[in-house]
């Protein structure tokens, strides 16, 4: 696993590097936002530890740009901005978790492990040499779950153990939170899952305050399902929650 630390303060970055390297991860550190965006674009990054107070651009803009560019790995924000509004904004622009400074290294490493468990498998040019030595992977795993709803057939499939989802032979590119929301809604196909239940099970059972981050995640997920011509609909049940169900055959 390769981690990218984006932190301009040497006094913070040095112990972070040592702690993460002791866990056996491959770690790269940069001190500004633009080099971080370029490194991620080159491929091979599984998780970012992202400071917000960077010298060339705000860390929130870095996070927003990475998600817009299609990065689906984990993003853990590390910042002295401990206010609830900053935390909500960070999650809204695509971060997976938020850790306020000062923090303990043990808590940081626990969150890193959790995010890496939930992050989708890395794909990219850096994986090509190994992939060429293996037999081609099947378009969908045997553990995939067929869509039982009208109009769905077996075109939409979710593999919870591999944390991957397909429409036909095309894999959907999902962030960790987008997959968690999709899998939970798919577990209750046709039924309404309340906003409170989604926030408690995908984010934090002790979450309080704005749930705009849920709406943002659902909006991105709905767009990806539509762009992929998935034979399902992600409906909003106003004032209650969300429902995933098969689309009509002529939809």
C-alpha atoms as a PDB file:
ATOM      1  CA  UNK A   1       0.000   0.000   0.000  1.00  0.00           C
ATOM      2  CA  UNK A   2       1.322   3.451  -0.886  1.00  0.00           C
ATOM      3  CA  UNK A   3       0.425   6.446   1.254  1.00  0.00           C
ATOM      4  CA  UNK A   4       0.941  10.077   0.336  1.00  0.00           C
ATOM      5  CA  UNK A   5       1.457  12.562   3.177  1.00  0.00           C
ATOM      6  CA  UNK A   6       0.654  16.146   2.165  1.00  0.00           C
ATOM      7  CA  UNK A   7       2.016  18.279   5.005  1.00  0.00           C
ATOM      8  CA  UNK A   8       4.170  21.417   4.873  1.00  0.00           C
ATOM      9  CA  UNK A   9       5.238  21.397   8.546  1.00  0.00           C
ATOM     10  CA  UNK A  10       8.440  19.350   8.905  1.00  0.00           C
ATOM     11  CA  UNK A  11       7.913  18.958  12.656  1.00  0.00           C
ATOM     12  CA  UNK A  12       4.613  17.157  11.970  1.00  0.00           C
ATOM     13  CA  UNK A  13       5.586  15.344   8.782  1.00  0.00           C
ATOM     14  CA  UNK A  14       8.737  13.680  10.169  1.00  0.00           C
ATOM     15  CA  UNK A  15       7.070  11.663  12.975  1.00  0.00           C
ATOM     16  CA  UNK A  16       4.169  10.861  10.637  1.00  0.00           C
ATOM     17  CA  UNK A  17       6.567   9.392   8.106  1.00  0.00           C
ATOM     18  CA  UNK A  18       8.342   7.293  10.730  1.00  0.00           C
ATOM     19  CA  UNK A  19       5.113   5.994  12.252  1.00  0.00           C
ATOM     20  CA  UNK A  20       3.576   5.007   8.919  1.00  0.00           C
ATOM     21  CA  UNK A  21       6.784   3.428   7.636  1.00  0.00           C
ATOM     22  CA  UNK A  22       7.010   1.299  10.803  1.00  0.00           C
ATOM     23  CA  UNK A  23       3.617  -0.148   9.826  1.00  0.00           C
ATOM     24  CA  UNK A  24       5.156  -1.392   6.574  1.00  0.00           C
ATOM     25  CA  UNK A  25       3.547   1.063   4.166  1.00  0.00           C
ATOM     26  CA  UNK A  26       5.300   2.681   1.229  1.00  0.00           C
ATOM     27  CA  UNK A  27       5.172   6.411   2.011  1.00  0.00           C
ATOM     28  CA  UNK A  28       5.820   9.555  -0.002  1.00  0.00           C
ATOM     29  CA  UNK A  29       5.669  13.071   1.432  1.00  0.00           C
ATOM     30  CA  UNK A  30       5.104  16.381  -0.363  1.00  0.00           C
ATOM     31  CA  UNK A  31       4.729  19.832   1.171  1.00  0.00           C
ATOM     32  CA  UNK A  32       2.221  21.450  -1.198  1.00  0.00           C
ATOM     33  CA  UNK A  33      -1.069  20.769  -2.952  1.00  0.00           C
ATOM     34  CA  UNK A  34      -0.109  20.862  -6.632  1.00  0.00           C
ATOM     35  CA  UNK A  35       2.650  18.213  -6.342  1.00  0.00           C
ATOM     36  CA  UNK A  36       0.143  16.007  -4.489  1.00  0.00           C
ATOM     37  CA  UNK A  37      -2.380  16.294  -7.330  1.00  0.00           C
ATOM     38  CA  UNK A  38       0.325  15.472  -9.885  1.00  0.00           C
ATOM     39  CA  UNK A  39       1.527  12.424  -7.910  1.00  0.00           C
ATOM     40  CA  UNK A  40      -1.979  11.033  -7.565  1.00  0.00           C
ATOM     41  CA  UNK A  41      -2.592  11.591 -11.289  1.00  0.00           C
ATOM     42  CA  UNK A  42       0.530   9.521 -12.031  1.00  0.00           C
ATOM     43  CA  UNK A  43      -1.082   6.569 -10.223  1.00  0.00           C
ATOM     44  CA  UNK A  44      -0.101   4.212  -7.427  1.00  0.00           C
ATOM     45  CA  UNK A  45      -1.496   6.109  -4.433  1.00  0.00           C
ATOM     46  CA  UNK A  46      -3.926   4.271  -2.149  1.00  0.00           C
ATOM     47  CA  UNK A  47      -4.454   6.824   0.623  1.00  0.00           C
ATOM     48  CA  UNK A  48      -3.780  10.510   1.284  1.00  0.00           C
ATOM     49  CA  UNK A  49      -3.058  12.064   4.662  1.00  0.00           C
ATOM     50  CA  UNK A  50      -3.958  15.629   3.735  1.00  0.00           C
ATOM     51  CA  UNK A  51      -3.263  18.814   5.665  1.00  0.00           C
ATOM     52  CA  UNK A  52      -5.565  21.747   4.908  1.00  0.00           C
ATOM     53  CA  UNK A  53      -3.143  24.626   5.531  1.00  0.00           C
ATOM     54  CA  UNK A  54      -0.867  24.222   2.514  1.00  0.00           C
ATOM     55  CA  UNK A  55       1.348  26.998   1.101  1.00  0.00           C
ATOM     56  CA  UNK A  56       0.081  26.958  -2.499  1.00  0.00           C
ATOM     57  CA  UNK A  57      -3.615  26.044  -2.195  1.00  0.00           C
ATOM     58  CA  UNK A  58      -6.186  25.070   0.392  1.00  0.00           C
ATOM     59  CA  UNK A  59      -6.311  21.374   1.213  1.00  0.00           C
ATOM     60  CA  UNK A  60     -10.069  21.381   0.610  1.00  0.00           C
ATOM     61  CA  UNK A  61      -9.403  22.424  -2.993  1.00  0.00           C
ATOM     62  CA  UNK A  62      -6.884  19.597  -3.295  1.00  0.00           C
ATOM     63  CA  UNK A  63      -9.504  17.118  -2.070  1.00  0.00           C
ATOM     64  CA  UNK A  64     -12.140  18.540  -4.406  1.00  0.00           C
ATOM     65  CA  UNK A  65      -9.801  18.369  -7.409  1.00  0.00           C
ATOM     66  CA  UNK A  66      -8.731  14.796  -6.696  1.00  0.00           C
ATOM     67  CA  UNK A  67     -12.328  13.594  -6.560  1.00  0.00           C
ATOM     68  CA  UNK A  68     -13.168  15.530  -9.723  1.00  0.00           C
ATOM     69  CA  UNK A  69     -10.224  13.807 -11.421  1.00  0.00           C
ATOM     70  CA  UNK A  70     -11.612  10.398 -10.434  1.00  0.00           C
ATOM     71  CA  UNK A  71      -9.409   9.435  -7.482  1.00  0.00           C
ATOM     72  CA  UNK A  72     -11.279   6.789  -5.472  1.00  0.00           C
ATOM     73  CA  UNK A  73      -8.678   6.038  -2.796  1.00  0.00           C
ATOM     74  CA  UNK A  74      -8.998   7.137   0.811  1.00  0.00           C
ATOM     75  CA  UNK A  75      -8.531  10.752   1.889  1.00  0.00           C
ATOM     76  CA  UNK A  76      -7.911  11.453   5.582  1.00  0.00           C
ATOM     77  CA  UNK A  77      -7.814  15.148   6.441  1.00  0.00           C
ATOM     78  CA  UNK A  78      -5.366  16.209   9.154  1.00  0.00           C
ATOM     79  CA  UNK A  79      -5.906  19.777  10.326  1.00  0.00           C
ATOM     80  CA  UNK A  80      -5.918  22.260  13.172  1.00  0.00           C
ATOM     81  CA  UNK A  81      -9.345  23.407  11.988  1.00  0.00           C
ATOM     82  CA  UNK A  82     -11.417  21.543  14.533  1.00  0.00           C
ATOM     83  CA  UNK A  83     -14.767  23.261  14.002  1.00  0.00           C
ATOM     84  CA  UNK A  84     -17.796  21.266  12.937  1.00  0.00           C
ATOM     85  CA  UNK A  85     -18.294  23.423   9.840  1.00  0.00           C
ATOM     86  CA  UNK A  86     -14.777  22.668   8.590  1.00  0.00           C
ATOM     87  CA  UNK A  87     -15.320  18.973   9.207  1.00  0.00           C
ATOM     88  CA  UNK A  88     -18.601  18.984   7.287  1.00  0.00           C
ATOM     89  CA  UNK A  89     -17.094  20.919   4.378  1.00  0.00           C
ATOM     90  CA  UNK A  90     -14.180  18.477   4.222  1.00  0.00           C
ATOM     91  CA  UNK A  91     -16.527  15.500   4.037  1.00  0.00           C
ATOM     92  CA  UNK A  92     -18.723  17.288   1.511  1.00  0.00           C
ATOM     93  CA  UNK A  93     -15.845  17.751  -0.936  1.00  0.00           C
ATOM     94  CA  UNK A  94     -14.942  14.055  -0.803  1.00  0.00           C
ATOM     95  CA  UNK A  95     -12.839  13.310   2.276  1.00  0.00           C
ATOM     96  CA  UNK A  96     -13.454   9.962   3.970  1.00  0.00           C
ATOM     97  CA  UNK A  97     -12.370  10.926   7.476  1.00  0.00           C
ATOM     98  CA  UNK A  98     -11.200  13.923   9.502  1.00  0.00           C
ATOM     99  CA  UNK A  99      -8.674  14.030  12.323  1.00  0.00           C
ATOM    100  CA  UNK A 100      -8.104  17.256  14.285  1.00  0.00           C
ATOM    101  CA  UNK A 101      -4.642  18.226  15.501  1.00  0.00           C
ATOM    102  CA  UNK A 102      -3.205  17.392  17.934  1.00  0.00           C
ATOM    103  CA  UNK A 103      -3.893  13.670  17.560  1.00  0.00           C
ATOM    104  CA  UNK A 104      -2.264  10.478  18.774  1.00  0.00           C
ATOM    105  CA  UNK A 105      -0.290   8.383  16.306  1.00  0.00           C
ATOM    106  CA  UNK A 106      -2.122   5.251  17.454  1.00  0.00           C
ATOM    107  CA  UNK A 107      -5.480   6.791  16.517  1.00  0.00           C
ATOM    108  CA  UNK A 108      -4.095   7.965  13.193  1.00  0.00           C
ATOM    109  CA  UNK A 109      -2.808   4.482  12.343  1.00  0.00           C
ATOM    110  CA  UNK A 110      -6.121   2.905  13.342  1.00  0.00           C
ATOM    111  CA  UNK A 111      -7.958   5.225  10.976  1.00  0.00           C
ATOM    112  CA  UNK A 112      -5.458   4.548   8.210  1.00  0.00           C
ATOM    113  CA  UNK A 113      -6.020   0.795   8.566  1.00  0.00           C
ATOM    114  CA  UNK A 114      -9.786   1.260   8.540  1.00  0.00           C
ATOM    115  CA  UNK A 115      -9.708   3.409   5.399  1.00  0.00           C
ATOM    116  CA  UNK A 116      -7.404   1.012   3.564  1.00  0.00           C
ATOM    117  CA  UNK A 117      -9.756  -1.869   4.379  1.00  0.00           C
ATOM    118  CA  UNK A 118     -12.653   0.061   2.857  1.00  0.00           C
ATOM    119  CA  UNK A 119     -10.843   1.551  -0.145  1.00  0.00           C
ATOM    120  CA  UNK A 120     -11.328  -0.069  -3.570  1.00  0.00           C
ATOM    121  CA  UNK A 121      -8.436  -2.011  -5.099  1.00  0.00           C
ATOM    122  CA  UNK A 122      -5.896   0.212  -6.824  1.00  0.00           C
ATOM    123  CA  UNK A 123      -5.944   0.230 -10.597  1.00  0.00           C
ATOM    124  CA  UNK A 124      -3.601   2.029 -12.922  1.00  0.00           C
ATOM    125  CA  UNK A 125      -0.505   1.868 -15.075  1.00  0.00           C
ATOM    126  CA  UNK A 126       1.675   0.841 -12.155  1.00  0.00           C
ATOM    127  CA  UNK A 127      -0.282  -2.406 -11.811  1.00  0.00           C
ATOM    128  CA  UNK A 128       0.150  -3.410 -15.460  1.00  0.00           C
ATOM    129  CA  UNK A 129       3.348  -5.509 -15.166  1.00  0.00           C
ATOM    130  CA  UNK A 130       1.902  -7.763 -12.491  1.00  0.00           C
ATOM    131  CA  UNK A 131      -1.437  -8.000 -14.261  1.00  0.00           C
ATOM    132  CA  UNK A 132       0.267  -9.202 -17.463  1.00  0.00           C
ATOM    133  CA  UNK A 133       1.608 -12.237 -15.608  1.00  0.00           C
ATOM    134  CA  UNK A 134      -1.803 -13.337 -14.452  1.00  0.00           C
ATOM    135  CA  UNK A 135      -4.800 -14.794 -16.197  1.00  0.00           C
ATOM    136  CA  UNK A 136      -7.418 -12.138 -17.032  1.00  0.00           C
ATOM    137  CA  UNK A 137      -9.898 -11.586 -14.236  1.00  0.00           C
ATOM    138  CA  UNK A 138     -13.506 -12.492 -14.973  1.00  0.00           C
ATOM    139  CA  UNK A 139     -15.832  -9.556 -15.596  1.00  0.00           C
ATOM    140  CA  UNK A 140     -17.741 -10.297 -12.411  1.00  0.00           C
ATOM    141  CA  UNK A 141     -17.034 -12.419  -9.321  1.00  0.00           C
ATOM    142  CA  UNK A 142     -18.973 -15.533  -8.446  1.00  0.00           C
ATOM    143  CA  UNK A 143     -20.063 -13.864  -5.211  1.00  0.00           C
ATOM    144  CA  UNK A 144     -21.898 -11.142  -7.116  1.00  0.00           C
ATOM    145  CA  UNK A 145     -25.507 -10.578  -6.214  1.00  0.00           C
ATOM    146  CA  UNK A 146     -28.002 -10.522  -9.110  1.00  0.00           C
ATOM    147  CA  UNK A 147     -30.577  -7.776  -9.263  1.00  0.00           C
ATOM    148  CA  UNK A 148     -33.945  -9.425  -8.521  1.00  0.00           C
ATOM    149  CA  UNK A 149     -35.997  -6.349  -9.400  1.00  0.00           C
ATOM    150  CA  UNK A 150     -37.934  -5.903 -12.662  1.00  0.00           C
ATOM    151  CA  UNK A 151     -35.690  -4.569 -15.411  1.00  0.00           C
ATOM    152  CA  UNK A 152     -32.521  -5.358 -13.511  1.00  0.00           C
ATOM    153  CA  UNK A 153     -31.745  -8.906 -14.602  1.00  0.00           C
ATOM    154  CA  UNK A 154     -28.171  -9.698 -13.649  1.00  0.00           C
ATOM    155  CA  UNK A 155     -26.664  -6.517 -15.139  1.00  0.00           C
ATOM    156  CA  UNK A 156     -26.161  -4.814 -11.772  1.00  0.00           C
ATOM    157  CA  UNK A 157     -23.991  -6.679  -9.280  1.00  0.00           C
ATOM    158  CA  UNK A 158     -22.395  -5.831  -5.941  1.00  0.00           C
ATOM    159  CA  UNK A 159     -19.556  -7.866  -4.445  1.00  0.00           C
ATOM    160  CA  UNK A 160     -19.329  -6.894  -0.796  1.00  0.00           C
ATOM    161  CA  UNK A 161     -16.227  -8.944   0.004  1.00  0.00           C
ATOM    162  CA  UNK A 162     -14.231  -7.324  -2.812  1.00  0.00           C
ATOM    163  CA  UNK A 163     -16.009  -3.974  -2.373  1.00  0.00           C
ATOM    164  CA  UNK A 164     -16.744  -3.703  -6.099  1.00  0.00           C
ATOM    165  CA  UNK A 165     -19.863  -3.095  -8.160  1.00  0.00           C
ATOM    166  CA  UNK A 166     -20.619  -3.693 -11.847  1.00  0.00           C
ATOM    167  CA  UNK A 167     -23.117  -2.737 -14.492  1.00  0.00           C
ATOM    168  CA  UNK A 168     -22.770  -5.538 -17.005  1.00  0.00           C
ATOM    169  CA  UNK A 169     -19.027  -5.989 -17.581  1.00  0.00           C
ATOM    170  CA  UNK A 170     -18.194  -2.420 -16.553  1.00  0.00           C
ATOM    171  CA  UNK A 171     -17.018  -1.751 -13.004  1.00  0.00           C
ATOM    172  CA  UNK A 172     -18.343   1.362 -11.308  1.00  0.00           C
ATOM    173  CA  UNK A 173     -15.658   3.688  -9.939  1.00  0.00           C
ATOM    174  CA  UNK A 174     -16.771   4.361  -6.372  1.00  0.00           C
ATOM    175  CA  UNK A 175     -15.200   5.972  -3.323  1.00  0.00           C
ATOM    176  CA  UNK A 176     -15.257   4.078  -0.025  1.00  0.00           C
ATOM    177  CA  UNK A 177     -18.276   6.004   1.264  1.00  0.00           C
ATOM    178  CA  UNK A 178     -20.150   5.706  -2.044  1.00  0.00           C
ATOM    179  CA  UNK A 179     -19.703   1.931  -1.968  1.00  0.00           C
ATOM    180  CA  UNK A 180     -20.816   1.721   1.670  1.00  0.00           C
ATOM    181  CA  UNK A 181     -23.995   3.670   0.894  1.00  0.00           C
ATOM    182  CA  UNK A 182     -24.692   1.588  -2.216  1.00  0.00           C
ATOM    183  CA  UNK A 183     -24.126  -1.734  -0.433  1.00  0.00           C
ATOM    184  CA  UNK A 184     -26.374  -0.756   2.469  1.00  0.00           C
ATOM    185  CA  UNK A 185     -29.175   0.366   0.156  1.00  0.00           C
ATOM    186  CA  UNK A 186     -28.744  -2.791  -1.939  1.00  0.00           C
ATOM    187  CA  UNK A 187     -29.027  -4.930   1.222  1.00  0.00           C
ATOM    188  CA  UNK A 188     -32.487  -3.375   1.664  1.00  0.00           C
ATOM    189  CA  UNK A 189     -33.460  -3.317  -2.019  1.00  0.00           C
ATOM    190  CA  UNK A 190     -36.921  -1.836  -2.498  1.00  0.00           C
ATOM    191  CA  UNK A 191     -37.186  -0.603   1.108  1.00  0.00           C
ATOM    192  CA  UNK A 192     -36.506   2.865   2.454  1.00  0.00           C
ATOM    193  CA  UNK A 193     -33.318   3.298   4.496  1.00  0.00           C
ATOM    194  CA  UNK A 194     -33.586   6.320   6.742  1.00  0.00           C
ATOM    195  CA  UNK A 195     -31.082   9.136   6.710  1.00  0.00           C
ATOM    196  CA  UNK A 196     -30.306   8.478  10.357  1.00  0.00           C
ATOM    197  CA  UNK A 197     -29.535   4.812   9.699  1.00  0.00           C
ATOM    198  CA  UNK A 198     -27.248   5.658   6.784  1.00  0.00           C
ATOM    199  CA  UNK A 199     -25.349   8.261   8.803  1.00  0.00           C
ATOM    200  CA  UNK A 200     -24.954   5.929  11.782  1.00  0.00           C
ATOM    201  CA  UNK A 201     -23.800   2.905   9.780  1.00  0.00           C
ATOM    202  CA  UNK A 202     -21.692   4.558   7.080  1.00  0.00           C
ATOM    203  CA  UNK A 203     -20.268   7.502   9.014  1.00  0.00           C
ATOM    204  CA  UNK A 204     -20.565   7.583  12.812  1.00  0.00           C
ATOM    205  CA  UNK A 205     -23.348   6.564  15.160  1.00  0.00           C
ATOM    206  CA  UNK A 206     -22.438   9.580  17.299  1.00  0.00           C
ATOM    207  CA  UNK A 207     -22.588  11.995  14.348  1.00  0.00           C
ATOM    208  CA  UNK A 208     -24.429  15.202  15.045  1.00  0.00           C
ATOM    209  CA  UNK A 209     -25.093  18.330  13.033  1.00  0.00           C
ATOM    210  CA  UNK A 210     -25.457  18.679   9.263  1.00  0.00           C
ATOM    211  CA  UNK A 211     -26.127  15.626   7.104  1.00  0.00           C
ATOM    212  CA  UNK A 212     -25.309  17.502   3.891  1.00  0.00           C
ATOM    213  CA  UNK A 213     -22.366  15.155   3.392  1.00  0.00           C
ATOM    214  CA  UNK A 214     -24.872  12.303   2.965  1.00  0.00           C
ATOM    215  CA  UNK A 215     -26.766  14.230   0.289  1.00  0.00           C
ATOM    216  CA  UNK A 216     -23.504  15.003  -1.501  1.00  0.00           C
ATOM    217  CA  UNK A 217     -22.434  11.348  -1.463  1.00  0.00           C
ATOM    218  CA  UNK A 218     -25.848  10.136  -2.644  1.00  0.00           C
ATOM    219  CA  UNK A 219     -25.832  12.754  -5.411  1.00  0.00           C
ATOM    220  CA  UNK A 220     -22.457  11.564  -6.705  1.00  0.00           C
ATOM    221  CA  UNK A 221     -23.542   7.931  -6.454  1.00  0.00           C
ATOM    222  CA  UNK A 222     -26.811   8.592  -8.300  1.00  0.00           C
ATOM    223  CA  UNK A 223     -24.938  10.342 -11.101  1.00  0.00           C
ATOM    224  CA  UNK A 224     -22.480   7.457 -11.452  1.00  0.00           C
ATOM    225  CA  UNK A 225     -25.333   4.954 -11.644  1.00  0.00           C
ATOM    226  CA  UNK A 226     -27.033   7.054 -14.315  1.00  0.00           C
ATOM    227  CA  UNK A 227     -23.820   7.575 -16.285  1.00  0.00           C
ATOM    228  CA  UNK A 228     -23.229   3.821 -16.186  1.00  0.00           C
ATOM    229  CA  UNK A 229     -26.803   3.073 -17.374  1.00  0.00           C
ATOM    230  CA  UNK A 230     -27.419   0.942 -14.281  1.00  0.00           C
ATOM    231  CA  UNK A 231     -30.837  -0.756 -14.386  1.00  0.00           C
ATOM    232  CA  UNK A 232     -31.696   0.609 -10.941  1.00  0.00           C
ATOM    233  CA  UNK A 233     -32.923   3.872  -9.458  1.00  0.00           C
ATOM    234  CA  UNK A 234     -31.716   5.630  -6.323  1.00  0.00           C
ATOM    235  CA  UNK A 235     -34.786   7.501  -5.151  1.00  0.00           C
ATOM    236  CA  UNK A 236     -35.093  10.119  -2.438  1.00  0.00           C
ATOM    237  CA  UNK A 237     -38.038   9.672  -0.098  1.00  0.00           C
ATOM    238  CA  UNK A 238     -38.521  13.227   1.095  1.00  0.00           C
ATOM    239  CA  UNK A 239     -38.171  13.673   4.827  1.00  0.00           C
ATOM    240  CA  UNK A 240     -37.331   9.993   5.400  1.00  0.00           C
ATOM    241  CA  UNK A 241     -34.352   8.632   3.478  1.00  0.00           C
ATOM    242  CA  UNK A 242     -33.441   6.796   0.282  1.00  0.00           C
ATOM    243  CA  UNK A 243     -34.537   3.702  -1.642  1.00  0.00           C
ATOM    244  CA  UNK A 244     -32.754   1.580  -4.252  1.00  0.00           C
ATOM    245  CA  UNK A 245     -34.968  -0.313  -6.650  1.00  0.00           C
ATOM    246  CA  UNK A 246     -34.967  -1.768 -10.138  1.00  0.00           C
ATOM    247  CA  UNK A 247     -35.826   0.579 -12.954  1.00  0.00           C
ATOM    248  CA  UNK A 248     -38.775  -0.129 -15.210  1.00  0.00           C
ATOM    249  CA  UNK A 249     -37.842  -2.103 -18.358  1.00  0.00           C
ATOM    250  CA  UNK A 250     -38.461   0.917 -20.572  1.00  0.00           C
ATOM    251  CA  UNK A 251     -36.647   3.408 -18.259  1.00  0.00           C
END
